[in-house]
Amino acid sequence: MRKLKEFIIEKLILICGLASIFFVVLIFLFLLKEGLAVFKTVSPLKFLFGKSWYPISEPAQLGILPLILGSLLVTLGAAIISIPIGVGCAIYIAEIAPLKIKEILKAGIELLAAIPSVVLGFIGMVTLVPLVKNIFHLPTGLTALSGSIMLAFMAMPTIVSIAEDALYSVPKTYKEGALALGATHWQAIWRVMLPAASSGILAAVMLGIGRVIGETMAVMMITGNAAVIPKSILVPVRTLTATIAAEMGEAVVGSEHYFALFAIGIVLFVISFAINVSADLFLHKRQQ
């Protein structure tokens, strides 16, 4: 009976794993079916590198370069803010903080990850956007900088949690050996623990960036939604995800605009898939 139960459980796990892969493949095929139709009227190069996004004009201008650059600018800004703070928090929680403080901080970080993005976007509109406007004396605070700060706040729980786990998984003998050889506590962390956990920390960073790229509501609410090529981080921008969320409800089914939004989904899928695969490879680098 025990062997039968184990056999059933193993097969159920196998079915669940294969089903998840099957669903991802179905999603990608559906995106391809709907998105590739746009290339009957516009070339892939013109679609990816065109500088104008006016999908309902006559003729339609379907260039997503401003959207790609807006997404990259917001993502880069969020990465610059969140990576140092997130890795620093992970080091403090894993190696420095007392046990009671460590438990409180870990619980707080997990709670931050549970806050809905639309709530964070609303908080950003009420507090962050006016602050950016007043500090930099801008006509509007709905800028790429506001989006970067908010997305950094959303990415940090992912980075802190995974990086802390990576540091905690490093064998304690590494640190003990460094201390026994005369290294200070900080030297042991900087020269032994961090290099040993580098693959896990890098995976944490890339997964955090993946969360930033895929974010929709908060970005749509506080970045200004201007589909223009950004010249600085203090101007309104529009991201790929915000474009899909804002325009899919108004696109006529079967139109160029409709197919172009699905093509944007293909671009996002490829970017997110590449980031997640890279993170997985780095995460298993030490095991290989």
C-alpha atoms as a PDB file:
ATOM      1  CA  MET A   1       0.000   0.000   0.000  1.00  0.00           C
ATOM      2  CA  ARG A   2       2.848   2.390   0.820  1.00  0.00           C
ATOM      3  CA  LYS A   3       4.523   1.721  -2.539  1.00  0.00           C
ATOM      4  CA  LEU A   4       1.192   2.306  -4.286  1.00  0.00           C
ATOM      5  CA  LYS A   5       0.764   5.669  -2.523  1.00  0.00           C
ATOM      6  CA  GLU A   6       4.305   6.695  -3.437  1.00  0.00           C
ATOM      7  CA  PHE A   7       3.706   5.679  -7.060  1.00  0.00           C
ATOM      8  CA  ILE A   8       0.492   7.714  -7.233  1.00  0.00           C
ATOM      9  CA  ILE A   9       2.132  10.766  -5.651  1.00  0.00           C
ATOM     10  CA  GLU A  10       5.107  10.554  -8.012  1.00  0.00           C
ATOM     11  CA  LYS A  11       2.821  10.356 -11.050  1.00  0.00           C
ATOM     12  CA  LEU A  12       0.712  13.271  -9.807  1.00  0.00           C
ATOM     13  CA  ILE A  13       3.835  15.383  -9.394  1.00  0.00           C
ATOM     14  CA  LEU A  14       4.970  14.381 -12.878  1.00  0.00           C
ATOM     15  CA  ILE A  15       1.572  15.290 -14.337  1.00  0.00           C
ATOM     16  CA  CYS A  16       1.599  18.682 -12.590  1.00  0.00           C
ATOM     17  CA  GLY A  17       5.097  19.426 -13.875  1.00  0.00           C
ATOM     18  CA  LEU A  18       4.236  18.434 -17.447  1.00  0.00           C
ATOM     19  CA  ALA A  19       0.974  20.395 -17.255  1.00  0.00           C
ATOM     20  CA  SER A  20       2.779  23.584 -16.250  1.00  0.00           C
ATOM     21  CA  ILE A  21       5.136  23.225 -19.215  1.00  0.00           C
ATOM     22  CA  PHE A  22       2.190  22.446 -21.496  1.00  0.00           C
ATOM     23  CA  PHE A  23       0.297  25.558 -20.378  1.00  0.00           C
ATOM     24  CA  VAL A  24       3.334  27.788 -20.957  1.00  0.00           C
ATOM     25  CA  VAL A  25       3.734  26.362 -24.455  1.00  0.00           C
ATOM     26  CA  LEU A  26       0.028  26.923 -25.142  1.00  0.00           C
ATOM     27  CA  ILE A  27       0.279  30.548 -24.000  1.00  0.00           C
ATOM     28  CA  PHE A  28       3.271  31.118 -26.256  1.00  0.00           C
ATOM     29  CA  LEU A  29       1.539  29.483 -29.238  1.00  0.00           C
ATOM     30  CA  PHE A  30      -1.560  31.601 -28.664  1.00  0.00           C
ATOM     31  CA  LEU A  31       0.572  34.754 -28.591  1.00  0.00           C
ATOM     32  CA  LEU A  32       2.304  33.676 -31.793  1.00  0.00           C
ATOM     33  CA  LYS A  33      -1.017  32.940 -33.518  1.00  0.00           C
ATOM     34  CA  GLU A  34      -2.435  36.363 -32.735  1.00  0.00           C
ATOM     35  CA  GLY A  35       0.745  38.440 -32.720  1.00  0.00           C
ATOM     36  CA  LEU A  36       2.470  37.313 -35.903  1.00  0.00           C
ATOM     37  CA  ALA A  37      -0.504  38.485 -37.973  1.00  0.00           C
ATOM     38  CA  VAL A  38       0.626  42.093 -37.542  1.00  0.00           C
ATOM     39  CA  PHE A  39       3.722  41.393 -39.620  1.00  0.00           C
ATOM     40  CA  LYS A  40       1.531  41.007 -42.695  1.00  0.00           C
ATOM     41  CA  THR A  41       1.206  44.798 -42.756  1.00  0.00           C
ATOM     42  CA  VAL A  42       4.383  45.966 -40.986  1.00  0.00           C
ATOM     43  CA  SER A  43       7.884  44.509 -41.114  1.00  0.00           C
ATOM     44  CA  PRO A  44       9.436  43.125 -37.904  1.00  0.00           C
ATOM     45  CA  LEU A  45      12.261  45.698 -38.050  1.00  0.00           C
ATOM     46  CA  LYS A  46       9.849  48.589 -38.473  1.00  0.00           C
ATOM     47  CA  PHE A  47       7.727  47.222 -35.631  1.00  0.00           C
ATOM     48  CA  LEU A  48      10.659  46.829 -33.227  1.00  0.00           C
ATOM     49  CA  PHE A  49      12.584  49.974 -34.175  1.00  0.00           C
ATOM     50  CA  GLY A  50       9.857  52.349 -35.323  1.00  0.00           C
ATOM     51  CA  LYS A  51       9.781  55.614 -33.359  1.00  0.00           C
ATOM     52  CA  SER A  52       6.048  56.316 -33.471  1.00  0.00           C
ATOM     53  CA  TRP A  53       3.213  54.480 -31.735  1.00  0.00           C
ATOM     54  CA  TYR A  54      -0.087  55.748 -33.155  1.00  0.00           C
ATOM     55  CA  PRO A  55      -2.089  52.546 -33.662  1.00  0.00           C
ATOM     56  CA  ILE A  56      -5.433  54.196 -34.473  1.00  0.00           C
ATOM     57  CA  SER A  57      -4.171  56.797 -36.951  1.00  0.00           C
ATOM     58  CA  GLU A  58      -4.528  56.454 -40.723  1.00  0.00           C
ATOM     59  CA  PRO A  59      -2.261  54.802 -41.656  1.00  0.00           C
ATOM     60  CA  ALA A  60      -1.420  53.145 -38.355  1.00  0.00           C
ATOM     61  CA  GLN A  61       2.099  53.729 -37.027  1.00  0.00           C
ATOM     62  CA  LEU A  62       3.166  50.653 -35.055  1.00  0.00           C
ATOM     63  CA  GLY A  63       6.684  51.331 -33.832  1.00  0.00           C
ATOM     64  CA  ILE A  64       7.364  50.088 -30.306  1.00  0.00           C
ATOM     65  CA  LEU A  65      10.877  51.489 -29.830  1.00  0.00           C
ATOM     66  CA  PRO A  66       9.589  54.210 -27.421  1.00  0.00           C
ATOM     67  CA  LEU A  67       7.811  51.510 -25.421  1.00  0.00           C
ATOM     68  CA  ILE A  68      10.916  49.296 -25.295  1.00  0.00           C
ATOM     69  CA  LEU A  69      13.137  52.213 -24.261  1.00  0.00           C
ATOM     70  CA  GLY A  70      10.609  53.289 -21.641  1.00  0.00           C
ATOM     71  CA  SER A  71      10.531  49.782 -20.175  1.00  0.00           C
ATOM     72  CA  LEU A  72      14.341  49.545 -20.189  1.00  0.00           C
ATOM     73  CA  LEU A  73      14.746  52.989 -18.587  1.00  0.00           C
ATOM     74  CA  VAL A  74      12.311  52.240 -15.779  1.00  0.00           C
ATOM     75  CA  THR A  75      13.826  48.778 -15.267  1.00  0.00           C
ATOM     76  CA  LEU A  76      17.387  50.113 -15.200  1.00  0.00           C
ATOM     77  CA  GLY A  77      16.451  52.813 -12.697  1.00  0.00           C
ATOM     78  CA  ALA A  78      14.690  50.287 -10.476  1.00  0.00           C
ATOM     79  CA  ALA A  79      17.689  47.929 -10.651  1.00  0.00           C
ATOM     80  CA  ILE A  80      20.136  50.684  -9.675  1.00  0.00           C
ATOM     81  CA  ILE A  81      18.025  51.492  -6.621  1.00  0.00           C
ATOM     82  CA  SER A  82      16.895  48.031  -5.528  1.00  0.00           C
ATOM     83  CA  ILE A  83      20.025  45.896  -6.017  1.00  0.00           C
ATOM     84  CA  PRO A  84      22.374  47.639  -3.531  1.00  0.00           C
ATOM     85  CA  ILE A  85      19.624  48.104  -0.945  1.00  0.00           C
ATOM     86  CA  GLY A  86      18.244  44.587  -1.404  1.00  0.00           C
ATOM     87  CA  VAL A  87      21.615  42.826  -1.213  1.00  0.00           C
ATOM     88  CA  GLY A  88      22.606  44.989   1.764  1.00  0.00           C
ATOM     89  CA  CYS A  89      19.393  44.050   3.584  1.00  0.00           C
ATOM     90  CA  ALA A  90      19.997  40.381   2.815  1.00  0.00           C
ATOM     91  CA  ILE A  91      23.532  40.569   4.246  1.00  0.00           C
ATOM     92  CA  TYR A  92      22.268  42.285   7.387  1.00  0.00           C
ATOM     93  CA  ILE A  93      19.474  39.753   7.938  1.00  0.00           C
ATOM     94  CA  ALA A  94      21.622  36.702   7.207  1.00  0.00           C
ATOM     95  CA  GLU A  95      24.890  37.636   8.936  1.00  0.00           C
ATOM     96  CA  ILE A  96      24.527  40.620  11.261  1.00  0.00           C
ATOM     97  CA  ALA A  97      21.044  41.022  12.731  1.00  0.00           C
ATOM     98  CA  PRO A  98      20.207  39.417  16.114  1.00  0.00           C
ATOM     99  CA  LEU A  99      17.775  36.526  15.977  1.00  0.00           C
ATOM    100  CA  LYS A 100      14.713  38.474  17.191  1.00  0.00           C
ATOM    101  CA  ILE A 101      15.309  41.357  14.780  1.00  0.00           C
ATOM    102  CA  LYS A 102      15.974  38.872  11.982  1.00  0.00           C
ATOM    103  CA  GLU A 103      12.575  37.228  12.473  1.00  0.00           C
ATOM    104  CA  ILE A 104      10.797  40.587  12.502  1.00  0.00           C
ATOM    105  CA  LEU A 105      12.563  41.790   9.367  1.00  0.00           C
ATOM    106  CA  LYS A 106      11.871  38.581   7.436  1.00  0.00           C
ATOM    107  CA  ALA A 107       8.187  38.741   8.344  1.00  0.00           C
ATOM    108  CA  GLY A 108       8.033  42.399   7.308  1.00  0.00           C
ATOM    109  CA  ILE A 109       9.661  41.700   3.944  1.00  0.00           C
ATOM    110  CA  GLU A 110       7.225  38.877   3.254  1.00  0.00           C
ATOM    111  CA  LEU A 111       4.344  41.229   4.063  1.00  0.00           C
ATOM    112  CA  LEU A 112       5.720  43.830   1.644  1.00  0.00           C
ATOM    113  CA  ALA A 113       5.696  41.244  -1.131  1.00  0.00           C
ATOM    114  CA  ALA A 114       1.991  40.606  -0.464  1.00  0.00           C
ATOM    115  CA  ILE A 115       0.847  44.204  -1.049  1.00  0.00           C
ATOM    116  CA  PRO A 116      -1.117  44.442  -4.343  1.00  0.00           C
ATOM    117  CA  SER A 117       0.581  46.462  -7.045  1.00  0.00           C
ATOM    118  CA  VAL A 118      -2.465  48.683  -7.584  1.00  0.00           C
ATOM    119  CA  VAL A 119      -2.296  49.726  -3.916  1.00  0.00           C
ATOM    120  CA  LEU A 120       1.378  50.608  -4.283  1.00  0.00           C
ATOM    121  CA  GLY A 121       0.560  52.544  -7.444  1.00  0.00           C
ATOM    122  CA  PHE A 122      -2.109  54.533  -5.619  1.00  0.00           C
ATOM    123  CA  ILE A 123       0.299  55.269  -2.761  1.00  0.00           C
ATOM    124  CA  GLY A 124       2.877  56.386  -5.313  1.00  0.00           C
ATOM    125  CA  MET A 125       0.384  58.745  -6.980  1.00  0.00           C
ATOM    126  CA  VAL A 126      -0.532  60.343  -3.674  1.00  0.00           C
ATOM    127  CA  THR A 127       2.930  60.630  -2.099  1.00  0.00           C
ATOM    128  CA  LEU A 128       5.799  59.938  -4.502  1.00  0.00           C
ATOM    129  CA  VAL A 129       4.581  61.788  -7.601  1.00  0.00           C
ATOM    130  CA  PRO A 130       4.086  65.177  -5.840  1.00  0.00           C
ATOM    131  CA  LEU A 131       7.434  64.732  -4.079  1.00  0.00           C
ATOM    132  CA  VAL A 132       9.319  64.169  -7.353  1.00  0.00           C
ATOM    133  CA  LYS A 133       7.507  67.116  -8.932  1.00  0.00           C
ATOM    134  CA  ASN A 134       8.454  69.491  -6.108  1.00  0.00           C
ATOM    135  CA  ILE A 135      12.064  68.329  -5.692  1.00  0.00           C
ATOM    136  CA  PHE A 136      12.996  68.599  -9.377  1.00  0.00           C
ATOM    137  CA  HIS A 137      10.592  71.486 -10.191  1.00  0.00           C
ATOM    138  CA  LEU A 138       8.887  69.562 -12.975  1.00  0.00           C
ATOM    139  CA  PRO A 139       5.542  70.272 -14.656  1.00  0.00           C
ATOM    140  CA  THR A 140       4.448  66.758 -13.644  1.00  0.00           C
ATOM    141  CA  GLY A 141       5.738  64.113 -11.275  1.00  0.00           C
ATOM    142  CA  LEU A 142       4.496  61.291 -13.508  1.00  0.00           C
ATOM    143  CA  THR A 143       7.968  60.389 -14.745  1.00  0.00           C
ATOM    144  CA  ALA A 144      10.258  57.432 -15.286  1.00  0.00           C
ATOM    145  CA  LEU A 145      11.976  58.267 -11.995  1.00  0.00           C
ATOM    146  CA  SER A 146       8.728  57.848 -10.073  1.00  0.00           C
ATOM    147  CA  GLY A 147       8.169  54.496 -11.752  1.00  0.00           C
ATOM    148  CA  SER A 148      11.735  53.388 -11.032  1.00  0.00           C
ATOM    149  CA  ILE A 149      11.456  54.208  -7.329  1.00  0.00           C
ATOM    150  CA  MET A 150       8.140  52.415  -6.956  1.00  0.00           C
ATOM    151  CA  LEU A 151       9.293  49.369  -8.921  1.00  0.00           C
ATOM    152  CA  ALA A 152      12.484  49.213  -6.850  1.00  0.00           C
ATOM    153  CA  PHE A 153      10.303  49.078  -3.751  1.00  0.00           C
ATOM    154  CA  MET A 154       8.346  46.207  -5.320  1.00  0.00           C
ATOM    155  CA  ALA A 155      11.449  44.281  -6.422  1.00  0.00           C
ATOM    156  CA  MET A 156      13.290  44.473  -3.098  1.00  0.00           C
ATOM    157  CA  PRO A 157      11.271  41.763  -1.272  1.00  0.00           C
ATOM    158  CA  THR A 158      12.153  39.252  -4.006  1.00  0.00           C
ATOM    159  CA  ILE A 159      15.825  40.222  -3.999  1.00  0.00           C
ATOM    160  CA  VAL A 160      16.116  40.225  -0.201  1.00  0.00           C
ATOM    161  CA  SER A 161      14.349  36.894   0.323  1.00  0.00           C
ATOM    162  CA  ILE A 162      16.274  34.903  -2.306  1.00  0.00           C
ATOM    163  CA  ALA A 163      19.636  36.538  -1.560  1.00  0.00           C
ATOM    164  CA  GLU A 164      19.189  35.874   2.162  1.00  0.00           C
ATOM    165  CA  ASP A 165      18.430  32.224   1.435  1.00  0.00           C
ATOM    166  CA  ALA A 166      21.546  32.031  -0.745  1.00  0.00           C
ATOM    167  CA  LEU A 167      23.720  33.444   2.029  1.00  0.00           C
ATOM    168  CA  TYR A 168      22.122  31.181   4.621  1.00  0.00           C
ATOM    169  CA  SER A 169      22.796  28.100   2.465  1.00  0.00           C
ATOM    170  CA  VAL A 170      26.567  28.733   2.417  1.00  0.00           C
ATOM    171  CA  PRO A 171      28.204  26.184   4.762  1.00  0.00           C
ATOM    172  CA  LYS A 172      29.035  27.745   8.125  1.00  0.00           C
ATOM    173  CA  THR A 173      32.504  26.174   7.947  1.00  0.00           C
ATOM    174  CA  TYR A 174      33.439  28.760   5.288  1.00  0.00           C
ATOM    175  CA  LYS A 175      32.881  31.618   7.701  1.00  0.00           C
ATOM    176  CA  GLU A 176      34.367  29.779  10.652  1.00  0.00           C
ATOM    177  CA  GLY A 177      37.499  28.990   8.636  1.00  0.00           C
ATOM    178  CA  ALA A 178      37.901  32.631   7.607  1.00  0.00           C
ATOM    179  CA  LEU A 179      37.518  33.818  11.203  1.00  0.00           C
ATOM    180  CA  ALA A 180      39.978  31.176  12.385  1.00  0.00           C
ATOM    181  CA  LEU A 181      42.555  32.499   9.910  1.00  0.00           C
ATOM    182  CA  GLY A 182      42.284  35.975  11.409  1.00  0.00           C
ATOM    183  CA  ALA A 183      39.686  37.654   9.189  1.00  0.00           C
ATOM    184  CA  THR A 184      37.306  40.160  10.723  1.00  0.00           C
ATOM    185  CA  HIS A 185      33.574  39.603  10.601  1.00  0.00           C
ATOM    186  CA  TRP A 186      33.175  42.001   7.663  1.00  0.00           C
ATOM    187  CA  GLN A 187      36.136  40.494   5.802  1.00  0.00           C
ATOM    188  CA  ALA A 188      34.608  37.027   6.189  1.00  0.00           C
ATOM    189  CA  ILE A 189      31.302  38.306   4.768  1.00  0.00           C
ATOM    190  CA  TRP A 190      32.845  40.311   1.918  1.00  0.00           C
ATOM    191  CA  ARG A 191      35.582  37.918   0.801  1.00  0.00           C
ATOM    192  CA  VAL A 192      34.097  34.513   1.669  1.00  0.00           C
ATOM    193  CA  MET A 193      30.320  34.516   2.117  1.00  0.00           C
ATOM    194  CA  LEU A 194      29.405  36.804  -0.777  1.00  0.00           C
ATOM    195  CA  PRO A 195      31.578  35.017  -3.382  1.00  0.00           C
ATOM    196  CA  ALA A 196      30.261  31.651  -2.193  1.00  0.00           C
ATOM    197  CA  ALA A 197      26.657  32.823  -2.542  1.00  0.00           C
ATOM    198  CA  SER A 198      27.232  34.854  -5.718  1.00  0.00           C
ATOM    199  CA  SER A 199      25.207  32.573  -7.999  1.00  0.00           C
ATOM    200  CA  GLY A 200      22.177  32.710  -5.709  1.00  0.00           C
ATOM    201  CA  ILE A 201      22.473  36.484  -5.257  1.00  0.00           C
ATOM    202  CA  LEU A 202      22.693  36.975  -9.007  1.00  0.00           C
ATOM    203  CA  ALA A 203      19.623  34.799  -9.462  1.00  0.00           C
ATOM    204  CA  ALA A 204      17.808  36.934  -6.865  1.00  0.00           C
ATOM    205  CA  VAL A 205      18.734  40.091  -8.754  1.00  0.00           C
ATOM    206  CA  MET A 206      17.559  38.704 -12.093  1.00  0.00           C
ATOM    207  CA  LEU A 207      14.276  37.460 -10.649  1.00  0.00           C
ATOM    208  CA  GLY A 208      13.741  40.886  -9.094  1.00  0.00           C
ATOM    209  CA  ILE A 209      14.352  42.500 -12.475  1.00  0.00           C
ATOM    210  CA  GLY A 210      11.907  40.011 -14.014  1.00  0.00           C
ATOM    211  CA  ARG A 211       9.283  41.198 -11.522  1.00  0.00           C
ATOM    212  CA  VAL A 212       9.986  44.792 -12.529  1.00  0.00           C
ATOM    213  CA  ILE A 213       9.653  44.136 -16.263  1.00  0.00           C
ATOM    214  CA  GLY A 214       6.361  42.318 -15.833  1.00  0.00           C
ATOM    215  CA  GLU A 215       4.742  44.920 -13.571  1.00  0.00           C
ATOM    216  CA  THR A 216       1.714  46.702 -15.039  1.00  0.00           C
ATOM    217  CA  MET A 217      -0.674  48.614 -12.790  1.00  0.00           C
ATOM    218  CA  ALA A 218       1.798  50.595 -10.694  1.00  0.00           C
ATOM    219  CA  VAL A 219       3.780  51.594 -13.792  1.00  0.00           C
ATOM    220  CA  MET A 220       0.661  52.616 -15.695  1.00  0.00           C
ATOM    221  CA  MET A 221      -0.462  54.812 -12.808  1.00  0.00           C
ATOM    222  CA  ILE A 222       2.718  56.810 -12.134  1.00  0.00           C
ATOM    223  CA  THR A 223       4.905  56.964 -15.269  1.00  0.00           C
ATOM    224  CA  GLY A 224       2.776  59.336 -17.339  1.00  0.00           C
ATOM    225  CA  ASN A 225       2.018  56.960 -20.249  1.00  0.00           C
ATOM    226  CA  ALA A 226       3.689  59.082 -22.938  1.00  0.00           C
ATOM    227  CA  ALA A 227       4.714  56.940 -25.916  1.00  0.00           C
ATOM    228  CA  VAL A 228       7.767  59.024 -26.824  1.00  0.00           C
ATOM    229  CA  ILE A 229      11.459  58.229 -26.844  1.00  0.00           C
ATOM    230  CA  PRO A 230      12.704  59.302 -23.372  1.00  0.00           C
ATOM    231  CA  LYS A 231      15.589  61.764 -23.262  1.00  0.00           C
ATOM    232  CA  SER A 232      16.045  61.610 -19.467  1.00  0.00           C
ATOM    233  CA  ILE A 233      14.644  59.832 -16.450  1.00  0.00           C
ATOM    234  CA  LEU A 234      12.645  62.952 -15.504  1.00  0.00           C
ATOM    235  CA  VAL A 235      10.150  62.725 -18.381  1.00  0.00           C
ATOM    236  CA  PRO A 236       6.941  60.695 -18.760  1.00  0.00           C
ATOM    237  CA  VAL A 237       7.339  57.303 -20.437  1.00  0.00           C
ATOM    238  CA  ARG A 238       5.171  54.354 -21.398  1.00  0.00           C
ATOM    239  CA  THR A 239       6.142  50.726 -20.905  1.00  0.00           C
ATOM    240  CA  LEU A 240       5.223  47.621 -22.878  1.00  0.00           C
ATOM    241  CA  THR A 241       3.018  46.221 -20.123  1.00  0.00           C
ATOM    242  CA  ALA A 242       1.181  49.508 -19.564  1.00  0.00           C
ATOM    243  CA  THR A 243       0.443  49.746 -23.287  1.00  0.00           C
ATOM    244  CA  ILE A 244      -1.220  46.333 -23.342  1.00  0.00           C
ATOM    245  CA  ALA A 245      -3.233  47.051 -20.197  1.00  0.00           C
ATOM    246  CA  ALA A 246      -4.353  50.495 -21.344  1.00  0.00           C
ATOM    247  CA  GLU A 247      -5.267  49.692 -24.947  1.00  0.00           C
ATOM    248  CA  MET A 248      -6.407  46.070 -25.132  1.00  0.00           C
ATOM    249  CA  GLY A 249      -9.932  46.935 -23.977  1.00  0.00           C
ATOM    250  CA  GLU A 250     -10.311  49.511 -26.758  1.00  0.00           C
ATOM    251  CA  ALA A 251      -8.698  47.552 -29.624  1.00  0.00           C
ATOM    252  CA  VAL A 252     -11.065  46.165 -32.259  1.00  0.00           C
ATOM    253  CA  VAL A 253     -10.718  42.400 -32.479  1.00  0.00           C
ATOM    254  CA  GLY A 254      -8.941  41.462 -35.697  1.00  0.00           C
ATOM    255  CA  SER A 255      -7.526  44.942 -36.333  1.00  0.00           C
ATOM    256  CA  GLU A 256      -3.865  45.873 -36.770  1.00  0.00           C
ATOM    257  CA  HIS A 257      -3.961  47.450 -33.324  1.00  0.00           C
ATOM    258  CA  TYR A 258      -5.256  44.215 -31.797  1.00  0.00           C
ATOM    259  CA  PHE A 259      -2.560  42.086 -33.414  1.00  0.00           C
ATOM    260  CA  ALA A 260       0.150  44.638 -32.530  1.00  0.00           C
ATOM    261  CA  LEU A 261      -0.729  44.371 -28.829  1.00  0.00           C
ATOM    262  CA  PHE A 262      -0.325  40.602 -29.009  1.00  0.00           C
ATOM    263  CA  ALA A 263       3.013  41.116 -30.745  1.00  0.00           C
ATOM    264  CA  ILE A 264       4.055  43.307 -27.795  1.00  0.00           C
ATOM    265  CA  GLY A 265       3.040  40.366 -25.607  1.00  0.00           C
ATOM    266  CA  ILE A 266       5.424  38.146 -27.594  1.00  0.00           C
ATOM    267  CA  VAL A 267       8.271  40.597 -26.973  1.00  0.00           C
ATOM    268  CA  LEU A 268       7.480  40.657 -23.249  1.00  0.00           C
ATOM    269  CA  PHE A 269       7.219  36.875 -23.116  1.00  0.00           C
ATOM    270  CA  VAL A 270      10.620  36.454 -24.748  1.00  0.00           C
ATOM    271  CA  ILE A 271      12.247  39.000 -22.406  1.00  0.00           C
ATOM    272  CA  SER A 272      10.722  37.470 -19.268  1.00  0.00           C
ATOM    273  CA  PHE A 273      11.548  33.935 -20.413  1.00  0.00           C
ATOM    274  CA  ALA A 274      15.176  34.891 -21.087  1.00  0.00           C
ATOM    275  CA  ILE A 275      15.517  36.506 -17.661  1.00  0.00           C
ATOM    276  CA  ASN A 276      13.998  33.551 -15.831  1.00  0.00           C
ATOM    277  CA  VAL A 277      16.103  31.010 -17.728  1.00  0.00           C
ATOM    278  CA  SER A 278      19.253  33.022 -17.013  1.00  0.00           C
ATOM    279  CA  ALA A 279      18.361  33.223 -13.328  1.00  0.00           C
ATOM    280  CA  ASP A 280      17.753  29.469 -13.218  1.00  0.00           C
ATOM    281  CA  LEU A 281      21.111  28.767 -14.887  1.00  0.00           C
ATOM    282  CA  PHE A 282      22.968  30.964 -12.413  1.00  0.00           C
ATOM    283  CA  LEU A 283      21.069  29.421  -9.515  1.00  0.00           C
ATOM    284  CA  HIS A 284      22.193  25.926 -10.495  1.00  0.00           C
ATOM    285  CA  LYS A 285      25.679  26.938 -11.540  1.00  0.00           C
ATOM    286  CA  ARG A 286      27.256  25.696  -8.309  1.00  0.00           C
ATOM    287  CA  GLN A 287      25.476  22.355  -8.532  1.00  0.00           C
ATOM    288  CA  GLN A 288      26.818  21.794 -12.035  1.00  0.00           C
END
